[in-house]
Amino acid sequence: MLQIATLIYPAMFDLDLVGPQTFFQRLGNANAFYVGKSRAPVTSDLGVSYSAHHDFESCPKDLDILFVPGGLKGTTAAMRDGETLD
């Protein structure tokens, strides 16, 4: 099984999250899940709330894909966050 983690973070774009996640879920040979700084809910640019299945500590280390959805302000903030970059 492919291990596919999708990073979730505040103010990410729903469109950039939901479309690819739908594809990952339908692969049939993939374990696709959300990962975030914590498992607390984060709110997207449209106000939709998402919760991570794993935080950075509990995320499997043998990922095949780390997918990062886009955004504007949220992406810039994530790119400046040392813990997220690590």
Protein backbone atom coordinates (compact mmCIF):
# COMPACT_ATOMS: atom_id res chain seq x y z
CA MET A 1 0.00 0.00 0.00
CA LEU A 2 1.18 3.49 -0.86
CA GLN A 3 1.46 5.82 2.14
CA ILE A 4 0.11 9.24 1.11
CA ALA A 5 0.06 12.05 3.67
CA THR A 6 -1.69 15.32 2.89
CA LEU A 7 -0.52 18.28 4.96
CA ILE A 8 -3.39 20.34 6.32
CA TYR A 9 -2.84 23.86 7.63
CA PRO A 10 -4.94 26.96 8.32
CA ALA A 11 -6.25 28.89 5.28
CA MET A 12 -5.30 26.22 2.71
CA PHE A 13 -7.50 26.12 -0.37
CA ASP A 14 -10.32 23.57 -0.21
CA LEU A 15 -10.15 23.07 -3.97
CA ASP A 16 -6.48 22.09 -3.76
CA LEU A 17 -7.23 19.64 -0.94
CA VAL A 18 -10.47 17.90 -1.90
CA GLY A 19 -9.78 17.12 -5.57
CA PRO A 20 -6.43 15.37 -5.04
CA GLN A 21 -7.67 13.65 -1.86
CA THR A 22 -10.57 12.19 -3.86
CA PHE A 23 -8.10 10.80 -6.39
CA PHE A 24 -5.84 9.34 -3.67
CA GLN A 25 -8.79 7.63 -1.95
CA ARG A 26 -9.86 5.99 -5.21
CA LEU A 27 -6.47 4.53 -6.09
CA GLY A 28 -7.37 1.36 -4.25
CA ASN A 29 -3.79 0.62 -3.22
CA ALA A 30 -3.18 3.65 -1.02
CA ASN A 31 -3.49 4.64 2.60
CA ALA A 32 -4.28 8.35 2.24
CA PHE A 33 -4.56 10.50 5.35
CA TYR A 34 -4.23 14.06 6.68
CA VAL A 35 -1.26 15.18 8.77
CA GLY A 36 -0.93 18.46 10.67
CA LYS A 37 1.06 20.17 13.41
CA SER A 38 -1.56 18.79 15.77
CA ARG A 39 -4.76 16.82 15.47
CA ALA A 40 -6.79 19.92 16.35
CA PRO A 41 -9.11 21.14 13.58
CA VAL A 42 -7.82 23.71 11.09
CA THR A 43 -10.03 26.00 9.04
CA SER A 44 -9.62 26.36 5.28
CA ASP A 45 -9.89 29.55 3.25
CA LEU A 46 -13.64 28.93 2.87
CA GLY A 47 -14.20 28.24 6.56
CA VAL A 48 -14.40 24.44 6.29
CA SER A 49 -12.87 22.61 9.24
CA TYR A 50 -10.53 19.63 8.79
CA SER A 51 -8.84 17.44 11.41
CA ALA A 52 -5.58 15.59 10.93
CA HIS A 53 -5.45 11.82 11.34
CA HIS A 54 -1.83 12.21 12.52
CA ASP A 55 0.27 14.97 13.99
CA PHE A 56 3.91 15.34 12.95
CA GLU A 57 5.10 12.97 15.68
CA SER A 58 2.67 10.13 14.92
CA CYS A 59 2.84 10.39 11.13
CA PRO A 60 4.33 7.29 9.48
CA LYS A 61 7.92 7.96 8.44
CA ASP A 62 7.83 5.72 5.34
CA LEU A 63 5.74 8.03 3.15
CA ASP A 64 5.61 7.54 -0.59
CA ILE A 65 3.99 10.94 -1.13
CA LEU A 66 3.70 14.07 0.99
CA PHE A 67 1.07 16.18 -0.74
CA VAL A 68 0.79 19.88 0.14
CA PRO A 69 -2.33 21.72 -1.06
CA GLY A 70 -1.99 25.35 -2.10
CA GLY A 71 -3.23 28.59 -0.69
CA LEU A 72 -2.15 32.18 -0.26
CA LYS A 73 -1.76 33.59 3.25
CA GLY A 74 -1.89 30.13 4.81
CA THR A 75 0.76 28.76 2.51
CA THR A 76 3.09 31.66 3.20
CA ALA A 77 2.66 31.17 6.94
CA ALA A 78 3.28 27.40 6.63
CA MET A 79 6.43 28.05 4.57
CA ARG A 80 7.78 30.25 7.38
CA ASP A 81 6.96 27.80 10.16
CA GLY A 82 10.07 25.89 11.22
CA GLU A 83 8.18 22.95 12.72
CA THR A 84 6.18 22.47 9.53
CA LEU A 85 9.29 22.69 7.35
CA ASP A 86 11.13 20.13 9.50
